[in-house]
């Protein structure tokens, strides 16, 4: 199934908070497909989202393919400049909200787009890539992924990548990375770290979710854990609901504080492509995935998440921080 139908009534208090907040989604898949790309950003705008980070590079993409993809997406956003603002700094996100446009940024889900060359970090940063995870599920030159049969940690090259990311101001993202690799990465990193779209393993024991000491280590860097709306990472029944999402918010908030929680919805709007991708890549998706396309929260459910946070008794300050303020704080600390 796709995203569920919105069912929660939004109170005036939650609606006002949602309008006031700078709502940031750290992860929207945006790779080498076109299925429903012509409508998905409209849905984020309609849901009152202010910033979306697009996955323009993936571990399965070569350096050449990624450079071409980045060039294509920069041109696409430039041609849509009456609707969108391309983000190079936090001020661009605030400016976009002030003028009623959706802010768009770039990130990579994996480091293979660098082609084994750490010098590419600075080039991609100059092209707008503002965060990058080291490995996507499987082992690569930098690190082990979370679905590998073993966990060898970081390579020397992986450590060099983190050093270079720190130098240029690119945020380190430990999502999809193995336990040992993520812990070594957070220890090596000199700046706050993201888990841009990861949930609590204690609530849903899936390889893709993160354990309590990973959550605590991320918070110790000053970083943010973005809760994801993917059903098979939210609940054992694999159903995506706002209530299941907020249970993960509650868990991480109780463990390290709401100042370390954000949104990484990771909405899958390309259901046919996703089903084909999983079927063709059993080593990347070895266990814990639905037989079909899956169940996902969409942008329409973010206002419902706001309402549930209000109902749970989160303060106005904490709600606006979770919706985007925490990510903005970290981005201001790291981006150069």
Protein backbone atom coordinates (compact mmCIF):
# COMPACT_ATOMS: atom_id res chain seq x y z
CA UNK A 1 0.00 0.00 0.00
CA UNK A 2 0.98 3.65 -0.28
CA UNK A 3 0.57 6.32 2.38
CA UNK A 4 -2.54 6.03 4.52
CA UNK A 5 -5.46 8.42 4.40
CA UNK A 6 -5.28 11.34 6.83
CA UNK A 7 -7.62 10.65 9.75
CA UNK A 8 -6.70 12.93 12.68
CA UNK A 9 -8.47 16.24 13.20
CA UNK A 10 -6.00 19.11 13.61
CA UNK A 11 -6.64 21.55 16.46
CA UNK A 12 -6.19 25.30 16.11
CA UNK A 13 -3.19 25.12 18.44
CA UNK A 14 -1.46 22.45 16.34
CA UNK A 15 -2.31 24.23 13.07
CA UNK A 16 -0.84 27.48 14.40
CA UNK A 17 2.32 25.73 15.61
CA UNK A 18 2.69 24.01 12.26
CA UNK A 19 2.45 27.35 10.43
CA UNK A 20 4.92 28.97 12.81
CA UNK A 21 7.54 26.21 12.70
CA UNK A 22 10.16 25.87 9.99
CA UNK A 23 9.19 22.32 9.02
CA UNK A 24 12.16 20.33 7.66
CA UNK A 25 12.17 16.83 6.21
CA UNK A 26 15.74 15.55 6.07
CA UNK A 27 15.07 12.78 3.53
CA UNK A 28 13.08 12.53 0.31
CA UNK A 29 14.35 9.86 -2.13
CA UNK A 30 15.14 11.54 -5.47
CA UNK A 31 17.32 9.17 -7.45
CA UNK A 32 17.44 7.97 -11.02
CA UNK A 33 13.69 7.54 -11.65
CA UNK A 34 10.84 9.87 -12.62
CA UNK A 35 7.77 8.05 -11.29
CA UNK A 36 5.49 10.67 -9.63
CA UNK A 37 8.26 13.29 -9.36
CA UNK A 38 5.90 15.74 -11.08
CA UNK A 39 3.45 15.68 -8.15
CA UNK A 40 5.30 14.83 -4.93
CA UNK A 41 6.70 18.30 -4.19
CA UNK A 42 3.20 19.77 -4.59
CA UNK A 43 2.13 17.51 -1.74
CA UNK A 44 4.93 18.76 0.53
CA UNK A 45 3.97 22.36 -0.20
CA UNK A 46 0.31 21.64 0.55
CA UNK A 47 1.29 20.01 3.86
CA UNK A 48 3.07 23.16 5.05
CA UNK A 49 6.58 21.73 4.79
CA UNK A 50 9.27 24.41 4.35
CA UNK A 51 12.42 22.41 3.50
CA UNK A 52 13.02 19.03 1.90
CA UNK A 53 16.41 17.40 1.35
CA UNK A 54 16.57 15.33 -1.84
CA UNK A 55 18.63 12.14 -2.19
CA UNK A 56 20.42 12.90 -5.47
CA UNK A 57 23.24 10.36 -5.03
CA UNK A 58 22.99 6.69 -4.12
CA UNK A 59 25.54 3.94 -3.43
CA UNK A 60 24.43 2.12 -6.58
CA UNK A 61 25.31 5.18 -8.72
CA UNK A 62 28.75 5.77 -10.25
CA UNK A 63 30.65 9.03 -10.02
CA UNK A 64 29.78 9.96 -13.61
CA UNK A 65 26.10 9.11 -13.20
CA UNK A 66 25.93 11.11 -9.98
CA UNK A 67 27.56 14.21 -11.45
CA UNK A 68 25.08 14.10 -14.32
CA UNK A 69 22.20 13.62 -11.86
CA UNK A 70 23.31 16.57 -9.72
CA UNK A 71 23.59 18.75 -12.83
CA UNK A 72 20.14 17.66 -14.01
CA UNK A 73 18.51 18.37 -10.64
CA UNK A 74 20.20 21.75 -10.27
CA UNK A 75 18.84 22.68 -13.70
CA UNK A 76 15.39 21.35 -12.79
CA UNK A 77 15.25 23.50 -9.65
CA UNK A 78 16.59 26.52 -11.55
CA UNK A 79 13.79 26.13 -14.10
CA UNK A 80 11.28 25.95 -11.23
CA UNK A 81 12.63 29.04 -9.47
CA UNK A 82 9.20 30.65 -9.23
CA UNK A 83 8.23 27.87 -6.80
CA UNK A 84 11.43 26.67 -5.11
CA UNK A 85 14.58 28.00 -3.45
CA UNK A 86 17.81 26.01 -3.76
CA UNK A 87 19.50 25.77 -0.38
CA UNK A 88 23.17 26.44 0.21
CA UNK A 89 22.81 27.79 3.77
CA UNK A 90 20.28 27.96 6.58
CA UNK A 91 19.43 31.55 5.61
CA UNK A 92 18.04 30.19 2.33
CA UNK A 93 15.55 28.02 4.25
CA UNK A 94 14.35 31.00 6.28
CA UNK A 95 14.15 33.18 3.16
CA UNK A 96 12.11 30.56 1.34
CA UNK A 97 9.59 30.38 4.18
CA UNK A 98 9.34 34.16 4.33
CA UNK A 99 8.44 34.39 0.62
CA UNK A 100 6.20 31.31 0.58
CA UNK A 101 8.42 28.96 -1.41
CA UNK A 102 9.59 25.42 -0.73
CA UNK A 103 13.32 25.15 0.03
CA UNK A 104 15.16 22.21 -1.54
CA UNK A 105 18.58 20.79 -0.69
CA UNK A 106 20.72 17.82 -1.68
CA UNK A 107 22.23 14.85 0.11
CA UNK A 108 23.76 11.46 -0.74
CA UNK A 109 22.64 8.05 0.52
CA UNK A 110 26.06 6.42 0.37
CA UNK A 111 29.60 7.48 -0.51
CA UNK A 112 30.11 5.47 -3.72
CA UNK A 113 29.20 8.57 -5.79
CA UNK A 114 32.65 9.90 -4.82
CA UNK A 115 34.31 7.16 -6.86
CA UNK A 116 36.84 6.45 -4.10
CA UNK A 117 38.20 10.01 -4.17
CA UNK A 118 37.85 12.05 -0.96
CA UNK A 119 38.61 15.22 -2.95
CA UNK A 120 35.11 14.91 -4.42
CA UNK A 121 33.63 15.87 -1.03
CA UNK A 122 34.47 19.54 -1.54
CA UNK A 123 33.27 19.54 -5.14
CA UNK A 124 29.92 17.99 -4.22
CA UNK A 125 29.58 20.40 -1.30
CA UNK A 126 30.04 23.31 -3.70
CA UNK A 127 27.30 21.74 -5.86
CA UNK A 128 24.92 21.79 -2.88
CA UNK A 129 25.29 18.38 -1.22
CA UNK A 130 24.93 19.13 2.49
CA UNK A 131 24.89 15.71 4.15
CA UNK A 132 26.11 12.25 3.21
CA UNK A 133 25.90 8.80 4.73
CA UNK A 134 28.91 6.53 4.41
CA UNK A 135 27.28 3.25 3.32
CA UNK A 136 23.82 2.10 2.24
CA UNK A 137 23.03 -1.29 3.85
CA UNK A 138 25.97 -3.07 2.21
CA UNK A 139 29.73 -2.80 2.62
CA UNK A 140 31.55 -0.31 0.44
CA UNK A 141 35.02 1.21 0.37
CA UNK A 142 34.31 3.46 3.38
CA UNK A 143 32.29 1.38 5.83
CA UNK A 144 30.00 -1.56 6.45
CA UNK A 145 26.27 -1.18 5.98
CA UNK A 146 23.63 -2.19 8.50
CA UNK A 147 22.55 -5.27 6.51
CA UNK A 148 25.99 -6.86 6.15
CA UNK A 149 26.57 -10.30 7.68
CA UNK A 150 29.59 -8.90 9.56
CA UNK A 151 30.53 -5.49 10.94
CA UNK A 152 34.11 -4.50 10.20
CA UNK A 153 33.78 -0.82 11.00
CA UNK A 154 35.39 2.05 9.11
CA UNK A 155 38.23 1.81 6.62
CA UNK A 156 41.08 4.30 6.50
CA UNK A 157 39.31 5.80 3.51
CA UNK A 158 36.14 6.16 5.58
CA UNK A 159 38.07 8.04 8.25
CA UNK A 160 39.54 10.30 5.55
CA UNK A 161 36.04 11.04 4.25
CA UNK A 162 34.88 12.13 7.70
CA UNK A 163 37.93 14.35 8.08
CA UNK A 164 37.21 15.98 4.73
CA UNK A 165 33.48 16.36 5.49
CA UNK A 166 34.39 18.12 8.73
CA UNK A 167 36.74 20.43 6.85
CA UNK A 168 34.24 21.55 4.22
CA UNK A 169 31.12 21.60 6.43
CA UNK A 170 29.22 18.58 5.13
CA UNK A 171 27.07 16.85 7.76
CA UNK A 172 27.89 13.21 8.52
CA UNK A 173 24.83 10.95 8.31
CA UNK A 174 25.08 7.51 9.96
CA UNK A 175 21.77 6.15 8.65
CA UNK A 176 21.97 2.75 6.84
CA UNK A 177 25.46 2.29 8.33
CA UNK A 178 26.41 -0.68 10.51
CA UNK A 179 26.53 -0.47 14.29
CA UNK A 180 30.33 -0.51 14.64
CA UNK A 181 30.84 1.74 11.63
CA UNK A 182 28.38 4.30 13.00
CA UNK A 183 29.93 4.28 16.48
CA UNK A 184 33.44 4.71 15.05
CA UNK A 185 32.19 7.45 12.73
CA UNK A 186 30.59 9.42 15.56
CA UNK A 187 33.78 9.11 17.60
CA UNK A 188 35.89 10.36 14.68
CA UNK A 189 33.58 13.22 13.70
CA UNK A 190 34.31 16.70 15.08
CA UNK A 191 30.82 18.09 14.46
CA UNK A 192 27.21 17.14 15.30
CA UNK A 193 26.06 14.01 13.47
CA UNK A 194 22.74 13.02 11.87
CA UNK A 195 20.79 9.83 11.69
CA UNK A 196 18.62 11.50 9.06
CA UNK A 197 16.01 8.72 8.81
CA UNK A 198 16.37 6.07 11.51
CA UNK A 199 14.05 4.69 14.20
CA UNK A 200 14.47 3.06 17.59
CA UNK A 201 15.55 -0.59 17.52
CA UNK A 202 14.04 -1.07 20.98
CA UNK A 203 10.55 -0.48 19.52
CA UNK A 204 11.04 -2.22 16.18
CA UNK A 205 14.04 -4.59 15.99
CA UNK A 206 14.98 -4.15 12.33
CA UNK A 207 18.55 -3.97 10.97
CA UNK A 208 17.82 -0.46 9.76
CA UNK A 209 16.93 0.87 13.19
CA UNK A 210 19.42 2.10 15.77
CA UNK A 211 20.14 0.94 19.29
CA UNK A 212 20.08 3.00 22.45
CA UNK A 213 23.84 3.55 22.59
CA UNK A 214 23.83 4.77 18.97
CA UNK A 215 21.08 7.24 19.85
CA UNK A 216 23.01 8.39 22.93
CA UNK A 217 26.24 8.71 20.95
CA UNK A 218 24.51 10.86 18.33
CA UNK A 219 23.03 13.10 21.03
CA UNK A 220 26.46 13.41 22.64
CA UNK A 221 27.76 14.98 19.42
CA UNK A 222 24.89 17.49 19.57
CA UNK A 223 23.23 15.74 16.65
CA UNK A 224 19.71 14.82 15.56
CA UNK A 225 17.85 11.56 14.91
CA UNK A 226 15.25 11.96 12.15
CA UNK A 227 12.32 9.60 12.68
CA UNK A 228 11.23 7.91 9.47
CA UNK A 229 7.70 7.12 8.30
CA UNK A 230 8.51 3.75 6.69
CA UNK A 231 6.11 1.11 8.03
CA UNK A 232 8.60 -1.75 8.30
CA UNK A 233 10.89 0.45 10.42
CA UNK A 234 8.01 1.76 12.55
CA UNK A 235 6.14 -1.31 13.75
CA UNK A 236 6.26 -5.08 13.77
CA UNK A 237 3.06 -5.19 11.68
CA UNK A 238 4.87 -2.99 9.09
CA UNK A 239 2.00 -0.47 9.03
CA UNK A 240 2.87 3.22 8.89
CA UNK A 241 0.66 5.34 11.14
CA UNK A 242 1.22 8.75 12.78
CA UNK A 243 0.73 7.06 16.16
CA UNK A 244 3.54 4.58 15.47
CA UNK A 245 5.75 7.46 14.29
CA UNK A 246 5.16 9.45 17.48
CA UNK A 247 5.93 6.40 19.63
CA UNK A 248 9.46 6.57 18.21
CA UNK A 249 9.58 10.33 18.85
CA UNK A 250 8.54 9.64 22.45
CA UNK A 251 11.15 6.91 22.88
CA UNK A 252 14.09 8.96 21.56
CA UNK A 253 12.91 12.07 23.42
CA UNK A 254 12.73 10.18 26.71
CA UNK A 255 16.19 8.72 26.12
CA UNK A 256 18.14 11.84 25.06
CA UNK A 257 15.69 14.75 25.00
CA UNK A 258 13.44 16.25 22.31
CA UNK A 259 16.27 18.58 21.27
CA UNK A 260 17.79 15.60 19.43
CA UNK A 261 14.71 14.55 17.41
CA UNK A 262 13.69 15.58 13.90
CA UNK A 263 11.80 14.45 10.80
CA UNK A 264 13.21 12.16 8.11
CA UNK A 265 9.97 10.88 6.61
CA UNK A 266 11.69 9.13 3.66
CA UNK A 267 8.41 9.00 1.75
CA UNK A 268 8.29 6.40 -1.03
CA UNK A 269 6.08 7.83 -3.78
CA UNK A 270 7.52 5.59 -6.53
CA UNK A 271 5.89 2.32 -5.57
CA UNK A 272 6.41 0.37 -8.80
CA UNK A 273 10.08 1.30 -9.00
CA UNK A 274 10.61 0.47 -5.31
CA UNK A 275 9.08 -2.98 -5.64
CA UNK A 276 11.27 -3.71 -8.67
CA UNK A 277 14.34 -2.36 -6.88
CA UNK A 278 13.90 -4.64 -3.88
CA UNK A 279 13.22 -7.69 -6.05
CA UNK A 280 16.40 -7.01 -8.03
CA UNK A 281 18.60 -6.37 -4.97
CA UNK A 282 18.22 -9.18 -2.40
CA UNK A 283 21.67 -8.51 -0.91
CA UNK A 284 20.80 -4.86 -0.27
CA UNK A 285 17.41 -5.78 1.25
CA UNK A 286 18.05 -9.23 2.76
CA UNK A 287 15.45 -9.40 5.55
CA UNK A 288 12.66 -7.50 7.25
CA UNK A 289 11.11 -5.99 4.13
CA UNK A 290 7.52 -6.36 2.85
CA UNK A 291 6.73 -8.58 -0.11
CA UNK A 292 5.08 -5.66 -1.94
CA UNK A 293 5.91 -1.98 -2.03
CA UNK A 294 5.19 -1.32 1.66
CA UNK A 295 3.33 1.17 3.85
CA UNK A 296 4.56 4.75 4.21
CA UNK A 297 3.61 8.01 5.81
CA UNK A 298 3.40 10.88 3.36
CA UNK A 299 3.75 14.64 3.75
CA UNK A 300 0.02 14.86 4.47
CA UNK A 301 0.66 13.16 7.80
CA UNK A 302 3.16 15.69 9.12
CA UNK A 303 0.38 18.03 10.38
CA UNK A 304 -1.13 14.97 12.10
CA UNK A 305 2.23 14.33 13.78
CA UNK A 306 2.17 17.94 15.00
CA UNK A 307 -1.29 17.35 16.48
CA UNK A 308 -0.21 14.17 18.23
CA UNK A 309 2.83 15.91 19.74
CA UNK A 310 0.51 18.60 21.13
CA UNK A 311 -1.83 15.96 22.53
CA UNK A 312 1.14 14.18 24.14
CA UNK A 313 1.96 17.35 26.08
CA UNK A 314 5.10 18.47 24.26
CA UNK A 315 5.73 22.18 24.77
CA UNK A 316 5.38 24.61 21.87
CA UNK A 317 9.16 25.05 21.91
CA UNK A 318 9.77 21.31 21.70
CA UNK A 319 7.19 20.80 18.92
CA UNK A 320 8.74 23.47 16.70
CA UNK A 321 12.21 22.08 17.47
CA UNK A 322 11.22 18.54 16.46
CA UNK A 323 9.49 19.76 13.29
CA UNK A 324 12.63 21.48 12.05
CA UNK A 325 14.35 23.66 14.62
CA UNK A 326 16.74 20.94 15.76
CA UNK A 327 17.89 20.24 12.21
CA UNK A 328 18.30 23.98 11.57
CA UNK A 329 20.43 24.33 14.71
CA UNK A 330 22.77 21.53 13.63
CA UNK A 331 22.98 22.82 10.05
CA UNK A 332 23.94 26.28 11.34
CA UNK A 333 26.71 24.72 13.41
CA UNK A 334 28.17 22.62 10.59
CA UNK A 335 27.50 24.16 7.17
CA UNK A 336 30.12 26.65 5.99
